[in-house]
Amino acid sequence: MASQNGYSDVVRLLLDSGADPLIKDKQGRSAFYYTKDYNVKAMLTAHSNK
């Protein structure tokens, strides 16, 4: 929900706390699919490559 709504501060907090950016929902979609915010997409991509 944080990525979908563009809450980049919350996304950063979740990622820094160990959230998996590659986890998928029941439809097989990750947070990257839901966000339209460029900064959030960049954060998710950066954490996916770790």
N, C-alpha and C. Protein backbone atom coordinates (compact mmCIF):
# COMPACT_ATOMS: atom_id res chain seq x y z
N MET A 1 0.83 -1.20 0.00
CA MET A 1 0.00 0.00 0.00
C MET A 1 0.87 1.25 0.00
N ALA A 2 1.99 1.20 0.71
CA ALA A 2 2.87 2.37 0.77
C ALA A 2 3.40 2.71 -0.62
N SER A 3 3.81 1.70 -1.37
CA SER A 3 4.34 1.97 -2.72
C SER A 3 3.23 2.43 -3.65
N GLN A 4 2.06 1.85 -3.54
CA GLN A 4 0.94 2.22 -4.40
C GLN A 4 0.54 3.67 -4.19
N ASN A 5 0.63 4.14 -2.96
CA ASN A 5 0.22 5.50 -2.64
C ASN A 5 1.38 6.50 -2.68
N GLY A 6 2.57 6.04 -3.05
CA GLY A 6 3.71 6.94 -3.21
C GLY A 6 4.31 7.43 -1.91
N TYR A 7 4.14 6.67 -0.84
CA TYR A 7 4.69 7.05 0.46
C TYR A 7 6.14 6.63 0.54
N SER A 8 7.01 7.41 -0.10
CA SER A 8 8.41 7.02 -0.22
C SER A 8 9.11 6.89 1.13
N ASP A 9 8.76 7.72 2.10
CA ASP A 9 9.37 7.60 3.43
C ASP A 9 9.02 6.27 4.09
N VAL A 10 7.80 5.84 3.93
CA VAL A 10 7.37 4.57 4.50
C VAL A 10 8.03 3.41 3.76
N VAL A 11 8.11 3.51 2.44
CA VAL A 11 8.77 2.46 1.65
C VAL A 11 10.23 2.35 2.08
N ARG A 12 10.91 3.48 2.25
CA ARG A 12 12.31 3.47 2.68
C ARG A 12 12.44 2.80 4.05
N LEU A 13 11.57 3.14 4.97
CA LEU A 13 11.59 2.56 6.31
C LEU A 13 11.40 1.04 6.24
N LEU A 14 10.44 0.60 5.45
CA LEU A 14 10.18 -0.83 5.31
C LEU A 14 11.39 -1.56 4.71
N LEU A 15 11.96 -0.99 3.67
CA LEU A 15 13.11 -1.62 3.03
C LEU A 15 14.32 -1.65 3.96
N ASP A 16 14.56 -0.55 4.66
CA ASP A 16 15.67 -0.49 5.60
C ASP A 16 15.48 -1.45 6.77
N SER A 17 14.23 -1.81 7.04
CA SER A 17 13.92 -2.74 8.13
C SER A 17 13.92 -4.20 7.66
N GLY A 18 14.24 -4.41 6.39
CA GLY A 18 14.36 -5.77 5.90
C GLY A 18 13.21 -6.29 5.06
N ALA A 19 12.27 -5.43 4.69
CA ALA A 19 11.16 -5.88 3.85
C ALA A 19 11.69 -6.36 2.50
N ASP A 20 11.10 -7.41 1.98
CA ASP A 20 11.51 -7.99 0.71
C ASP A 20 10.78 -7.27 -0.43
N PRO A 21 11.50 -6.52 -1.27
CA PRO A 21 10.84 -5.79 -2.36
C PRO A 21 10.35 -6.71 -3.49
N LEU A 22 10.77 -7.96 -3.45
CA LEU A 22 10.38 -8.89 -4.51
C LEU A 22 9.20 -9.77 -4.15
N ILE A 23 8.70 -9.65 -2.93
CA ILE A 23 7.56 -10.47 -2.50
C ILE A 23 6.34 -10.11 -3.36
N LYS A 24 5.53 -11.10 -3.65
CA LYS A 24 4.38 -10.89 -4.53
C LYS A 24 3.08 -11.19 -3.80
N ASP A 25 2.01 -10.53 -4.27
CA ASP A 25 0.68 -10.76 -3.70
C ASP A 25 0.04 -11.98 -4.37
N LYS A 26 -1.22 -12.21 -4.07
CA LYS A 26 -1.92 -13.39 -4.61
C LYS A 26 -2.06 -13.36 -6.12
N GLN A 27 -2.00 -12.16 -6.70
CA GLN A 27 -2.09 -12.03 -8.15
C GLN A 27 -0.72 -12.12 -8.82
N GLY A 28 0.33 -12.31 -8.01
CA GLY A 28 1.68 -12.43 -8.54
C GLY A 28 2.35 -11.10 -8.84
N ARG A 29 1.87 -10.03 -8.22
CA ARG A 29 2.40 -8.69 -8.48
C ARG A 29 3.20 -8.19 -7.28
N SER A 30 4.32 -7.55 -7.57
CA SER A 30 5.16 -6.98 -6.51
C SER A 30 4.80 -5.51 -6.30
N ALA A 31 5.44 -4.90 -5.33
CA ALA A 31 5.20 -3.48 -5.05
C ALA A 31 5.56 -2.62 -6.26
N PHE A 32 6.57 -3.04 -7.00
CA PHE A 32 7.00 -2.29 -8.19
C PHE A 32 5.85 -2.15 -9.19
N TYR A 33 5.04 -3.18 -9.33
CA TYR A 33 3.91 -3.14 -10.25
C TYR A 33 2.91 -2.04 -9.87
N TYR A 34 2.69 -1.87 -8.59
CA TYR A 34 1.64 -0.97 -8.12
C TYR A 34 2.03 0.50 -8.07
N THR A 35 3.31 0.81 -7.99
CA THR A 35 3.69 2.21 -7.82
C THR A 35 3.83 2.94 -9.15
N LYS A 36 3.49 4.20 -9.14
CA LYS A 36 3.69 5.08 -10.28
C LYS A 36 4.75 6.14 -9.94
N ASP A 37 5.21 6.12 -8.69
CA ASP A 37 6.17 7.11 -8.20
C ASP A 37 7.60 6.71 -8.60
N TYR A 38 8.29 7.59 -9.32
CA TYR A 38 9.64 7.30 -9.80
C TYR A 38 10.60 7.02 -8.65
N ASN A 39 10.53 7.80 -7.58
CA ASN A 39 11.44 7.62 -6.44
C ASN A 39 11.23 6.27 -5.77
N VAL A 40 9.99 5.87 -5.63
CA VAL A 40 9.69 4.56 -5.03
C VAL A 40 10.20 3.45 -5.94
N LYS A 41 10.01 3.58 -7.25
CA LYS A 41 10.51 2.56 -8.18
C LYS A 41 12.03 2.45 -8.07
N ALA A 42 12.70 3.57 -7.95
CA ALA A 42 14.16 3.56 -7.82
C ALA A 42 14.59 2.86 -6.54
N MET A 43 13.91 3.13 -5.44
CA MET A 43 14.24 2.47 -4.17
C MET A 43 14.02 0.97 -4.26
N LEU A 44 12.89 0.57 -4.82
CA LEU A 44 12.58 -0.85 -4.94
C LEU A 44 13.62 -1.55 -5.83
N THR A 45 13.99 -0.91 -6.91
CA THR A 45 14.99 -1.49 -7.81
C THR A 45 16.33 -1.63 -7.10
N ALA A 46 16.75 -0.59 -6.40
CA ALA A 46 18.03 -0.61 -5.71
C ALA A 46 18.07 -1.73 -4.65
N HIS A 47 16.99 -1.92 -3.93
CA HIS A 47 16.95 -2.96 -2.89
C HIS A 47 16.78 -4.35 -3.50
N SER A 48 16.25 -4.44 -4.69
CA SER A 48 16.08 -5.74 -5.34
C SER A 48 17.42 -6.28 -5.81
N ASN A 49 18.34 -5.38 -6.06
CA ASN A 49 19.66 -5.78 -6.58
C ASN A 49 20.68 -6.07 -5.49
N LYS A 50 20.28 -6.06 -4.25
CA LYS A 50 21.22 -6.32 -3.15
C LYS A 50 21.42 -7.78 -2.94
